[in-house]
Amino acid sequence: MPPDSVQALQHYLAQFAAQRDWEQFHSPKNLSMGLIGEAAEIIEHFQWLTEQQSRELAPEQLHAVSHELADVLVYLLRLADVLDIDLIAATYEKMAINELRFPPKPKET
């Protein structure tokens, strides 16, 4: 498995949790609540910015946001792993539904 694959990251996160005996806390309920909490922390970085300012973060702000996004990904991947959900397959399936629900905008001629 490639080191940058979703499966490799899930395996690493599962080992990390197991080595710390955290699996007992990693129920779907707890992981989903943690996911929401981490997602809310992203908002803190953008709350009082204008639309334009939110697109032009200073390097240190961008770095902090990258850590919050990583926290969200950790919880998301752990939740998917605990529930035995293939996120790649689920995403393609959901996008197929979205393609039907939201057809492309017709090209102007």
PDB file of N, CA and C in Angstrom:
ATOM      1  N   MET A   1       0.855  -1.180   0.000  1.00  0.00           N
ATOM      2  CA  MET A   1       0.000   0.000   0.000  1.00  0.00           C
ATOM      3  C   MET A   1       0.896   1.236   0.000  1.00  0.00           C
ATOM      4  N   PRO A   2       0.637   2.186  -0.908  1.00  0.00           N
ATOM      5  CA  PRO A   2       1.471   3.392  -0.983  1.00  0.00           C
ATOM      6  C   PRO A   2       1.425   4.161   0.341  1.00  0.00           C
ATOM      7  N   PRO A   3       2.549   4.747   0.744  1.00  0.00           N
ATOM      8  CA  PRO A   3       2.585   5.440   2.038  1.00  0.00           C
ATOM      9  C   PRO A   3       1.647   6.645   2.107  1.00  0.00           C
ATOM     10  N   ASP A   4       1.237   7.180   0.958  1.00  0.00           N
ATOM     11  CA  ASP A   4       0.356   8.341   0.964  1.00  0.00           C
ATOM     12  C   ASP A   4      -1.090   7.963   0.641  1.00  0.00           C
ATOM     13  N   SER A   5      -1.447   6.697   0.791  1.00  0.00           N
ATOM     14  CA  SER A   5      -2.809   6.267   0.509  1.00  0.00           C
ATOM     15  C   SER A   5      -3.707   6.462   1.732  1.00  0.00           C
ATOM     16  N   VAL A   6      -4.996   6.508   1.488  1.00  0.00           N
ATOM     17  CA  VAL A   6      -5.966   6.611   2.577  1.00  0.00           C
ATOM     18  C   VAL A   6      -5.811   5.410   3.507  1.00  0.00           C
ATOM     19  N   GLN A   7      -5.652   4.230   2.938  1.00  0.00           N
ATOM     20  CA  GLN A   7      -5.534   3.016   3.750  1.00  0.00           C
ATOM     21  C   GLN A   7      -4.287   3.055   4.636  1.00  0.00           C
ATOM     22  N   ALA A   8      -3.188   3.543   4.102  1.00  0.00           N
ATOM     23  CA  ALA A   8      -1.958   3.635   4.894  1.00  0.00           C
ATOM     24  C   ALA A   8      -2.145   4.605   6.054  1.00  0.00           C
ATOM     25  N   LEU A   9      -2.789   5.712   5.802  1.00  0.00           N
ATOM     26  CA  LEU A   9      -3.029   6.688   6.867  1.00  0.00           C
ATOM     27  C   LEU A   9      -3.986   6.114   7.912  1.00  0.00           C
ATOM     28  N   GLN A  10      -5.040   5.416   7.469  1.00  0.00           N
ATOM     29  CA  GLN A  10      -5.957   4.788   8.413  1.00  0.00           C
ATOM     30  C   GLN A  10      -5.226   3.758   9.277  1.00  0.00           C
ATOM     31  N   HIS A  11      -4.357   2.987   8.660  1.00  0.00           N
ATOM     32  CA  HIS A  11      -3.579   1.985   9.409  1.00  0.00           C
ATOM     33  C   HIS A  11      -2.700   2.673  10.450  1.00  0.00           C
ATOM     34  N   TYR A  12      -2.026   3.732  10.065  1.00  0.00           N
ATOM     35  CA  TYR A  12      -1.172   4.484  10.982  1.00  0.00           C
ATOM     36  C   TYR A  12      -1.999   5.036  12.154  1.00  0.00           C
ATOM     37  N   LEU A  13      -3.168   5.606  11.850  1.00  0.00           N
ATOM     38  CA  LEU A  13      -4.016   6.171  12.901  1.00  0.00           C
ATOM     39  C   LEU A  13      -4.548   5.087  13.832  1.00  0.00           C
ATOM     40  N   ALA A  14      -4.897   3.929  13.283  1.00  0.00           N
ATOM     41  CA  ALA A  14      -5.377   2.817  14.112  1.00  0.00           C
ATOM     42  C   ALA A  14      -4.270   2.332  15.046  1.00  0.00           C
ATOM     43  N   GLN A  15      -3.047   2.223  14.529  1.00  0.00           N
ATOM     44  CA  GLN A  15      -1.905   1.823  15.371  1.00  0.00           C
ATOM     45  C   GLN A  15      -1.657   2.853  16.466  1.00  0.00           C
ATOM     46  N   PHE A  16      -1.702   4.123  16.097  1.00  0.00           N
ATOM     47  CA  PHE A  16      -1.491   5.206  17.053  1.00  0.00           C
ATOM     48  C   PHE A  16      -2.495   5.095  18.198  1.00  0.00           C
ATOM     49  N   ALA A  17      -3.774   4.895  17.855  1.00  0.00           N
ATOM     50  CA  ALA A  17      -4.828   4.770  18.869  1.00  0.00           C
ATOM     51  C   ALA A  17      -4.626   3.511  19.709  1.00  0.00           C
ATOM     52  N   ALA A  18      -4.288   2.403  19.063  1.00  0.00           N
ATOM     53  CA  ALA A  18      -4.109   1.143  19.791  1.00  0.00           C
ATOM     54  C   ALA A  18      -2.947   1.227  20.776  1.00  0.00           C
ATOM     55  N   GLN A  19      -1.853   1.855  20.387  1.00  0.00           N
ATOM     56  CA  GLN A  19      -0.684   1.972  21.251  1.00  0.00           C
ATOM     57  C   GLN A  19      -0.958   2.812  22.494  1.00  0.00           C
ATOM     58  N   ARG A  20      -1.984   3.627  22.439  1.00  0.00           N
ATOM     59  CA  ARG A  20      -2.338   4.495  23.567  1.00  0.00           C
ATOM     60  C   ARG A  20      -3.602   4.014  24.280  1.00  0.00           C
ATOM     61  N   ASP A  21      -4.106   2.851  23.864  1.00  0.00           N
ATOM     62  CA  ASP A  21      -5.333   2.271  24.412  1.00  0.00           C
ATOM     63  C   ASP A  21      -6.514   3.232  24.270  1.00  0.00           C
ATOM     64  N   TRP A  22      -6.569   3.923  23.144  1.00  0.00           N
ATOM     65  CA  TRP A  22      -7.657   4.871  22.884  1.00  0.00           C
ATOM     66  C   TRP A  22      -8.829   4.225  22.158  1.00  0.00           C
ATOM     67  N   GLU A  23      -8.634   3.010  21.665  1.00  0.00           N
ATOM     68  CA  GLU A  23      -9.717   2.371  20.913  1.00  0.00           C
ATOM     69  C   GLU A  23     -11.005   2.297  21.728  1.00  0.00           C
ATOM     70  N   GLN A  24     -10.865   2.159  23.044  1.00  0.00           N
ATOM     71  CA  GLN A  24     -12.041   2.103  23.911  1.00  0.00           C
ATOM     72  C   GLN A  24     -12.885   3.373  23.823  1.00  0.00           C
ATOM     73  N   PHE A  25     -12.284   4.470  23.423  1.00  0.00           N
ATOM     74  CA  PHE A  25     -12.979   5.754  23.314  1.00  0.00           C
ATOM     75  C   PHE A  25     -13.440   6.046  21.886  1.00  0.00           C
ATOM     76  N   HIS A  26     -12.978   5.242  20.940  1.00  0.00           N
ATOM     77  CA  HIS A  26     -13.239   5.529  19.529  1.00  0.00           C
ATOM     78  C   HIS A  26     -14.506   4.850  19.015  1.00  0.00           C
ATOM     79  N   SER A  27     -15.599   5.130  19.700  1.00  0.00           N
ATOM     80  CA  SER A  27     -16.906   4.668  19.216  1.00  0.00           C
ATOM     81  C   SER A  27     -17.358   5.617  18.107  1.00  0.00           C
ATOM     82  N   PRO A  28     -18.253   5.169  17.237  1.00  0.00           N
ATOM     83  CA  PRO A  28     -18.769   6.093  16.215  1.00  0.00           C
ATOM     84  C   PRO A  28     -19.350   7.375  16.824  1.00  0.00           C
ATOM     85  N   LYS A  29     -20.034   7.254  17.929  1.00  0.00           N
ATOM     86  CA  LYS A  29     -20.605   8.432  18.591  1.00  0.00           C
ATOM     87  C   LYS A  29     -19.505   9.416  18.998  1.00  0.00           C
ATOM     88  N   ASN A  30     -18.493   8.924  19.680  1.00  0.00           N
ATOM     89  CA  ASN A  30     -17.429   9.804  20.154  1.00  0.00           C
ATOM     90  C   ASN A  30     -16.610  10.393  19.004  1.00  0.00           C
ATOM     91  N   LEU A  31     -16.323   9.575  18.015  1.00  0.00           N
ATOM     92  CA  LEU A  31     -15.544  10.072  16.878  1.00  0.00           C
ATOM     93  C   LEU A  31     -16.322  11.116  16.092  1.00  0.00           C
ATOM     94  N   SER A  32     -17.621  10.917  15.924  1.00  0.00           N
ATOM     95  CA  SER A  32     -18.413  11.914  15.184  1.00  0.00           C
ATOM     96  C   SER A  32     -18.495  13.218  15.963  1.00  0.00           C
ATOM     97  N   MET A  33     -18.591  13.135  17.276  1.00  0.00           N
ATOM     98  CA  MET A  33     -18.607  14.369  18.082  1.00  0.00           C
ATOM     99  C   MET A  33     -17.252  15.064  18.016  1.00  0.00           C
ATOM    100  N   GLY A  34     -16.176  14.299  18.046  1.00  0.00           N
ATOM    101  CA  GLY A  34     -14.846  14.884  17.911  1.00  0.00           C
ATOM    102  C   GLY A  34     -14.654  15.543  16.558  1.00  0.00           C
ATOM    103  N   LEU A  35     -15.186  14.912  15.527  1.00  0.00           N
ATOM    104  CA  LEU A  35     -15.106  15.458  14.166  1.00  0.00           C
ATOM    105  C   LEU A  35     -15.763  16.828  14.100  1.00  0.00           C
ATOM    106  N   ILE A  36     -16.950  16.937  14.668  1.00  0.00           N
ATOM    107  CA  ILE A  36     -17.662  18.222  14.664  1.00  0.00           C
ATOM    108  C   ILE A  36     -16.896  19.266  15.462  1.00  0.00           C
ATOM    109  N   GLY A  37     -16.365  18.874  16.602  1.00  0.00           N
ATOM    110  CA  GLY A  37     -15.587  19.811  17.413  1.00  0.00           C
ATOM    111  C   GLY A  37     -14.377  20.346  16.667  1.00  0.00           C
ATOM    112  N   GLU A  38     -13.674  19.458  15.977  1.00  0.00           N
ATOM    113  CA  GLU A  38     -12.499  19.892  15.221  1.00  0.00           C
ATOM    114  C   GLU A  38     -12.895  20.763  14.036  1.00  0.00           C
ATOM    115  N   ALA A  39     -13.989  20.419  13.375  1.00  0.00           N
ATOM    116  CA  ALA A  39     -14.457  21.240  12.250  1.00  0.00           C
ATOM    117  C   ALA A  39     -14.804  22.643  12.734  1.00  0.00           C
ATOM    118  N   ALA A  40     -15.383  22.731  13.929  1.00  0.00           N
ATOM    119  CA  ALA A  40     -15.730  24.042  14.487  1.00  0.00           C
ATOM    120  C   ALA A  40     -14.481  24.883  14.741  1.00  0.00           C
ATOM    121  N   GLU A  41     -13.370  24.225  15.059  1.00  0.00           N
ATOM    122  CA  GLU A  41     -12.134  24.982  15.299  1.00  0.00           C
ATOM    123  C   GLU A  41     -11.619  25.657  14.030  1.00  0.00           C
ATOM    124  N   ILE A  42     -11.979  25.140  12.873  1.00  0.00           N
ATOM    125  CA  ILE A  42     -11.590  25.784  11.618  1.00  0.00           C
ATOM    126  C   ILE A  42     -12.256  27.155  11.520  1.00  0.00           C
ATOM    127  N   ILE A  43     -13.495  27.219  11.929  1.00  0.00           N
ATOM    128  CA  ILE A  43     -14.266  28.458  11.836  1.00  0.00           C
ATOM    129  C   ILE A  43     -13.584  29.598  12.578  1.00  0.00           C
ATOM    130  N   GLU A  44     -12.964  29.275  13.710  1.00  0.00           N
ATOM    131  CA  GLU A  44     -12.315  30.308  14.516  1.00  0.00           C
ATOM    132  C   GLU A  44     -11.308  31.121  13.711  1.00  0.00           C
ATOM    133  N   HIS A  45     -10.691  30.496  12.727  1.00  0.00           N
ATOM    134  CA  HIS A  45      -9.671  31.187  11.932  1.00  0.00           C
ATOM    135  C   HIS A  45     -10.273  32.133  10.893  1.00  0.00           C
ATOM    136  N   PHE A  46     -11.549  31.979  10.608  1.00  0.00           N
ATOM    137  CA  PHE A  46     -12.193  32.762   9.548  1.00  0.00           C
ATOM    138  C   PHE A  46     -13.326  33.656  10.051  1.00  0.00           C
ATOM    139  N   GLN A  47     -13.698  33.504  11.299  1.00  0.00           N
ATOM    140  CA  GLN A  47     -14.923  34.106  11.831  1.00  0.00           C
ATOM    141  C   GLN A  47     -15.079  35.594  11.532  1.00  0.00           C
ATOM    142  N   TRP A  48     -14.078  36.363  11.718  1.00  0.00           N
ATOM    143  CA  TRP A  48     -14.223  37.817  11.570  1.00  0.00           C
ATOM    144  C   TRP A  48     -13.544  38.357  10.316  1.00  0.00           C
ATOM    145  N   LEU A  49     -13.180  37.473   9.405  1.00  0.00           N
ATOM    146  CA  LEU A  49     -12.528  37.915   8.176  1.00  0.00           C
ATOM    147  C   LEU A  49     -13.553  38.194   7.084  1.00  0.00           C
ATOM    148  N   THR A  50     -13.170  39.055   6.168  1.00  0.00           N
ATOM    149  CA  THR A  50     -13.994  39.259   4.976  1.00  0.00           C
ATOM    150  C   THR A  50     -13.770  38.071   4.041  1.00  0.00           C
ATOM    151  N   GLU A  51     -14.600  37.981   3.004  1.00  0.00           N
ATOM    152  CA  GLU A  51     -14.410  36.925   2.012  1.00  0.00           C
ATOM    153  C   GLU A  51     -12.992  36.988   1.438  1.00  0.00           C
ATOM    154  N   GLN A  52     -12.559  38.187   1.077  1.00  0.00           N
ATOM    155  CA  GLN A  52     -11.229  38.347   0.480  1.00  0.00           C
ATOM    156  C   GLN A  52     -10.127  37.973   1.466  1.00  0.00           C
ATOM    157  N   GLN A  53     -10.230  38.433   2.706  1.00  0.00           N
ATOM    158  CA  GLN A  53      -9.215  38.107   3.706  1.00  0.00           C
ATOM    159  C   GLN A  53      -9.118  36.602   3.933  1.00  0.00           C
ATOM    160  N   SER A  54     -10.251  35.917   3.855  1.00  0.00           N
ATOM    161  CA  SER A  54     -10.241  34.462   4.076  1.00  0.00           C
ATOM    162  C   SER A  54      -9.486  33.736   2.963  1.00  0.00           C
ATOM    163  N   ARG A  55      -9.329  34.382   1.816  1.00  0.00           N
ATOM    164  CA  ARG A  55      -8.589  33.789   0.697  1.00  0.00           C
ATOM    165  C   ARG A  55      -7.105  34.156   0.714  1.00  0.00           C
ATOM    166  N   GLU A  56      -6.721  35.060   1.611  1.00  0.00           N
ATOM    167  CA  GLU A  56      -5.341  35.572   1.635  1.00  0.00           C
ATOM    168  C   GLU A  56      -4.746  35.454   3.030  1.00  0.00           C
ATOM    169  N   LEU A  57      -4.769  34.264   3.589  1.00  0.00           N
ATOM    170  CA  LEU A  57      -4.237  34.061   4.938  1.00  0.00           C
ATOM    171  C   LEU A  57      -2.723  34.234   4.953  1.00  0.00           C
ATOM    172  N   ALA A  58      -2.245  34.800   6.042  1.00  0.00           N
ATOM    173  CA  ALA A  58      -0.801  34.883   6.245  1.00  0.00           C
ATOM    174  C   ALA A  58      -0.261  33.461   6.414  1.00  0.00           C
ATOM    175  N   PRO A  59       1.009  33.247   6.108  1.00  0.00           N
ATOM    176  CA  PRO A  59       1.564  31.891   6.195  1.00  0.00           C
ATOM    177  C   PRO A  59       1.324  31.205   7.542  1.00  0.00           C
ATOM    178  N   GLU A  60       1.479  31.939   8.648  1.00  0.00           N
ATOM    179  CA  GLU A  60       1.271  31.315   9.958  1.00  0.00           C
ATOM    180  C   GLU A  60      -0.201  30.957  10.189  1.00  0.00           C
ATOM    181  N   GLN A  61      -1.108  31.780   9.651  1.00  0.00           N
ATOM    182  CA  GLN A  61      -2.539  31.457   9.751  1.00  0.00           C
ATOM    183  C   GLN A  61      -2.857  30.214   8.920  1.00  0.00           C
ATOM    184  N   LEU A  62      -2.315  30.170   7.734  1.00  0.00           N
ATOM    185  CA  LEU A  62      -2.538  29.024   6.846  1.00  0.00           C
ATOM    186  C   LEU A  62      -2.002  27.740   7.480  1.00  0.00           C
ATOM    187  N   HIS A  63      -0.865  27.840   8.131  1.00  0.00           N
ATOM    188  CA  HIS A  63      -0.279  26.687   8.805  1.00  0.00           C
ATOM    189  C   HIS A  63      -1.191  26.204   9.936  1.00  0.00           C
ATOM    190  N   ALA A  64      -1.735  27.136  10.703  1.00  0.00           N
ATOM    191  CA  ALA A  64      -2.659  26.774  11.792  1.00  0.00           C
ATOM    192  C   ALA A  64      -3.917  26.111  11.229  1.00  0.00           C
ATOM    193  N   VAL A  65      -4.429  26.644  10.136  1.00  0.00           N
ATOM    194  CA  VAL A  65      -5.618  26.050   9.505  1.00  0.00           C
ATOM    195  C   VAL A  65      -5.282  24.647   8.998  1.00  0.00           C
ATOM    196  N   SER A  66      -4.079  24.461   8.480  1.00  0.00           N
ATOM    197  CA  SER A  66      -3.698  23.125   7.988  1.00  0.00           C
ATOM    198  C   SER A  66      -3.734  22.102   9.119  1.00  0.00           C
ATOM    199  N   HIS A  67      -3.361  22.515  10.323  1.00  0.00           N
ATOM    200  CA  HIS A  67      -3.425  21.592  11.465  1.00  0.00           C
ATOM    201  C   HIS A  67      -4.866  21.280  11.852  1.00  0.00           C
ATOM    202  N   GLU A  68      -5.732  22.263  11.771  1.00  0.00           N
ATOM    203  CA  GLU A  68      -7.149  22.014  12.067  1.00  0.00           C
ATOM    204  C   GLU A  68      -7.759  21.073  11.030  1.00  0.00           C
ATOM    205  N   LEU A  69      -7.409  21.277   9.762  1.00  0.00           N
ATOM    206  CA  LEU A  69      -7.902  20.382   8.714  1.00  0.00           C
ATOM    207  C   LEU A  69      -7.378  18.960   8.929  1.00  0.00           C
ATOM    208  N   ALA A  70      -6.136  18.849   9.360  1.00  0.00           N
ATOM    209  CA  ALA A  70      -5.569  17.529   9.651  1.00  0.00           C
ATOM    210  C   ALA A  70      -6.329  16.861  10.794  1.00  0.00           C
ATOM    211  N   ASP A  71      -6.678  17.634  11.826  1.00  0.00           N
ATOM    212  CA  ASP A  71      -7.470  17.078  12.928  1.00  0.00           C
ATOM    213  C   ASP A  71      -8.806  16.543  12.430  1.00  0.00           C
ATOM    214  N   VAL A  72      -9.454  17.287  11.542  1.00  0.00           N
ATOM    215  CA  VAL A  72     -10.729  16.839  10.966  1.00  0.00           C
ATOM    216  C   VAL A  72     -10.518  15.532  10.199  1.00  0.00           C
ATOM    217  N   LEU A  73      -9.464  15.472   9.408  1.00  0.00           N
ATOM    218  CA  LEU A  73      -9.181  14.274   8.622  1.00  0.00           C
ATOM    219  C   LEU A  73      -8.923  13.068   9.536  1.00  0.00           C
ATOM    220  N   VAL A  74      -8.201  13.282  10.620  1.00  0.00           N
ATOM    221  CA  VAL A  74      -7.924  12.196  11.562  1.00  0.00           C
ATOM    222  C   VAL A  74      -9.229  11.614  12.086  1.00  0.00           C
ATOM    223  N   TYR A  75     -10.119  12.470  12.561  1.00  0.00           N
ATOM    224  CA  TYR A  75     -11.393  11.978  13.089  1.00  0.00           C
ATOM    225  C   TYR A  75     -12.229  11.319  11.994  1.00  0.00           C
ATOM    226  N   LEU A  76     -12.250  11.901  10.813  1.00  0.00           N
ATOM    227  CA  LEU A  76     -13.018  11.338   9.704  1.00  0.00           C
ATOM    228  C   LEU A  76     -12.507   9.948   9.327  1.00  0.00           C
ATOM    229  N   LEU A  77     -11.198   9.813   9.210  1.00  0.00           N
ATOM    230  CA  LEU A  77     -10.624   8.523   8.844  1.00  0.00           C
ATOM    231  C   LEU A  77     -10.821   7.481   9.940  1.00  0.00           C
ATOM    232  N   ARG A  78     -10.693   7.880  11.191  1.00  0.00           N
ATOM    233  CA  ARG A  78     -10.929   6.930  12.287  1.00  0.00           C
ATOM    234  C   ARG A  78     -12.387   6.476  12.286  1.00  0.00           C
ATOM    235  N   LEU A  79     -13.311   7.407  12.078  1.00  0.00           N
ATOM    236  CA  LEU A  79     -14.736   7.061  12.049  1.00  0.00           C
ATOM    237  C   LEU A  79     -15.021   6.092  10.907  1.00  0.00           C
ATOM    238  N   ALA A  80     -14.502   6.377   9.744  1.00  0.00           N
ATOM    239  CA  ALA A  80     -14.703   5.484   8.597  1.00  0.00           C
ATOM    240  C   ALA A  80     -14.094   4.116   8.873  1.00  0.00           C
ATOM    241  N   ASP A  81     -12.937   4.080   9.495  1.00  0.00           N
ATOM    242  CA  ASP A  81     -12.276   2.814   9.801  1.00  0.00           C
ATOM    243  C   ASP A  81     -13.106   1.998  10.797  1.00  0.00           C
ATOM    244  N   VAL A  82     -13.565   2.637  11.849  1.00  0.00           N
ATOM    245  CA  VAL A  82     -14.366   1.954  12.870  1.00  0.00           C
ATOM    246  C   VAL A  82     -15.661   1.402  12.269  1.00  0.00           C
ATOM    247  N   LEU A  83     -16.245   2.142  11.332  1.00  0.00           N
ATOM    248  CA  LEU A  83     -17.489   1.709  10.689  1.00  0.00           C
ATOM    249  C   LEU A  83     -17.260   0.847   9.457  1.00  0.00           C
ATOM    250  N   ASP A  84     -15.991   0.617   9.117  1.00  0.00           N
ATOM    251  CA  ASP A  84     -15.612  -0.172   7.940  1.00  0.00           C
ATOM    252  C   ASP A  84     -16.226   0.396   6.660  1.00  0.00           C
ATOM    253  N   ILE A  85     -16.061   1.705   6.494  1.00  0.00           N
ATOM    254  CA  ILE A  85     -16.544   2.408   5.308  1.00  0.00           C
ATOM    255  C   ILE A  85     -15.350   2.771   4.432  1.00  0.00           C
ATOM    256  N   ASP A  86     -15.430   2.415   3.178  1.00  0.00           N
ATOM    257  CA  ASP A  86     -14.423   2.796   2.194  1.00  0.00           C
ATOM    258  C   ASP A  86     -14.772   4.207   1.727  1.00  0.00           C
ATOM    259  N   LEU A  87     -14.041   5.185   2.233  1.00  0.00           N
ATOM    260  CA  LEU A  87     -14.356   6.580   1.926  1.00  0.00           C
ATOM    261  C   LEU A  87     -14.195   6.905   0.446  1.00  0.00           C
ATOM    262  N   ILE A  88     -13.236   6.309  -0.218  1.00  0.00           N
ATOM    263  CA  ILE A  88     -13.048   6.578  -1.638  1.00  0.00           C
ATOM    264  C   ILE A  88     -14.269   6.091  -2.414  1.00  0.00           C
ATOM    265  N   ALA A  89     -14.679   4.856  -2.173  1.00  0.00           N
ATOM    266  CA  ALA A  89     -15.857   4.303  -2.862  1.00  0.00           C
ATOM    267  C   ALA A  89     -17.107   5.100  -2.505  1.00  0.00           C
ATOM    268  N   ALA A  90     -17.265   5.448  -1.233  1.00  0.00           N
ATOM    269  CA  ALA A  90     -18.443   6.212  -0.809  1.00  0.00           C
ATOM    270  C   ALA A  90     -18.474   7.589  -1.463  1.00  0.00           C
ATOM    271  N   THR A  91     -17.310   8.197  -1.625  1.00  0.00           N
ATOM    272  CA  THR A  91     -17.243   9.520  -2.245  1.00  0.00           C
ATOM    273  C   THR A  91     -17.609   9.449  -3.721  1.00  0.00           C
ATOM    274  N   TYR A  92     -17.077   8.464  -4.432  1.00  0.00           N
ATOM    275  CA  TYR A  92     -17.449   8.320  -5.844  1.00  0.00           C
ATOM    276  C   TYR A  92     -18.938   8.031  -5.993  1.00  0.00           C
ATOM    277  N   GLU A  93     -19.474   7.201  -5.102  1.00  0.00           N
ATOM    278  CA  GLU A  93     -20.914   6.910  -5.143  1.00  0.00           C
ATOM    279  C   GLU A  93     -21.734   8.178  -4.903  1.00  0.00           C
ATOM    280  N   LYS A  94     -21.332   8.954  -3.906  1.00  0.00           N
ATOM    281  CA  LYS A  94     -22.055  10.189  -3.593  1.00  0.00           C
ATOM    282  C   LYS A  94     -21.927  11.211  -4.721  1.00  0.00           C
ATOM    283  N   MET A  95     -20.755  11.296  -5.348  1.00  0.00           N
ATOM    284  CA  MET A  95     -20.583  12.233  -6.454  1.00  0.00           C
ATOM    285  C   MET A  95     -21.419  11.835  -7.657  1.00  0.00           C
ATOM    286  N   ALA A  96     -21.611  10.540  -7.868  1.00  0.00           N
ATOM    287  CA  ALA A  96     -22.497  10.086  -8.956  1.00  0.00           C
ATOM    288  C   ALA A  96     -23.922  10.571  -8.697  1.00  0.00           C
ATOM    289  N   ILE A  97     -24.349  10.517  -7.461  1.00  0.00           N
ATOM    290  CA  ILE A  97     -25.671  11.038  -7.087  1.00  0.00           C
ATOM    291  C   ILE A  97     -25.709  12.547  -7.308  1.00  0.00           C
ATOM    292  N   ASN A  98     -24.650  13.240  -6.887  1.00  0.00           N
ATOM    293  CA  ASN A  98     -24.592  14.703  -7.054  1.00  0.00           C
ATOM    294  C   ASN A  98     -24.597  15.111  -8.521  1.00  0.00           C
ATOM    295  N   GLU A  99     -23.951  14.314  -9.369  1.00  0.00           N
ATOM    296  CA  GLU A  99     -23.947  14.624 -10.802  1.00  0.00           C
ATOM    297  C   GLU A  99     -25.364  14.601 -11.369  1.00  0.00           C
ATOM    298  N   LEU A 100     -26.179  13.682 -10.886  1.00  0.00           N
ATOM    299  CA  LEU A 100     -27.574  13.620 -11.332  1.00  0.00           C
ATOM    300  C   LEU A 100     -28.400  14.763 -10.738  1.00  0.00           C
ATOM    301  N   ARG A 101     -28.148  15.064  -9.489  1.00  0.00           N
ATOM    302  CA  ARG A 101     -28.912  16.116  -8.814  1.00  0.00           C
ATOM    303  C   ARG A 101     -28.531  17.513  -9.298  1.00  0.00           C
ATOM    304  N   PHE A 102     -27.281  17.690  -9.645  1.00  0.00           N
ATOM    305  CA  PHE A 102     -26.770  19.010 -10.017  1.00  0.00           C
ATOM    306  C   PHE A 102     -26.041  18.913 -11.352  1.00  0.00           C
ATOM    307  N   PRO A 103     -26.784  18.890 -12.459  1.00  0.00           N
ATOM    308  CA  PRO A 103     -26.125  18.776 -13.770  1.00  0.00           C
ATOM    309  C   PRO A 103     -25.259  20.006 -14.045  1.00  0.00           C
ATOM    310  N   PRO A 104     -24.260  19.836 -14.910  1.00  0.00           N
ATOM    311  CA  PRO A 104     -23.391  20.973 -15.229  1.00  0.00           C
ATOM    312  C   PRO A 104     -24.190  22.116 -15.856  1.00  0.00           C
ATOM    313  N   LYS A 105     -23.691  23.277 -15.614  1.00  0.00           N
ATOM    314  CA  LYS A 105     -24.289  24.466 -16.222  1.00  0.00           C
ATOM    315  C   LYS A 105     -24.062  24.396 -17.734  1.00  0.00           C
ATOM    316  N   PRO A 106     -25.096  24.611 -18.520  1.00  0.00           N
ATOM    317  CA  PRO A 106     -24.900  24.579 -19.995  1.00  0.00           C
ATOM    318  C   PRO A 106     -23.914  25.652 -20.432  1.00  0.00           C
ATOM    319  N   LYS A 107     -23.097  25.296 -21.421  1.00  0.00           N
ATOM    320  CA  LYS A 107     -22.147  26.269 -21.956  1.00  0.00           C
ATOM    321  C   LYS A 107     -22.907  27.298 -22.774  1.00  0.00           C
ATOM    322  N   GLU A 108     -22.503  28.537 -22.585  1.00  0.00           N
ATOM    323  CA  GLU A 108     -23.131  29.608 -23.365  1.00  0.00           C
ATOM    324  C   GLU A 108     -22.514  29.633 -24.755  1.00  0.00           C
ATOM    325  N   THR A 109     -23.363  29.834 -25.731  1.00  0.00           N
ATOM    326  CA  THR A 109     -22.851  29.885 -27.113  1.00  0.00           C
ATOM    327  C   THR A 109     -22.901  31.287 -27.670  1.00  0.00           C
TER     328      THR A 109
END
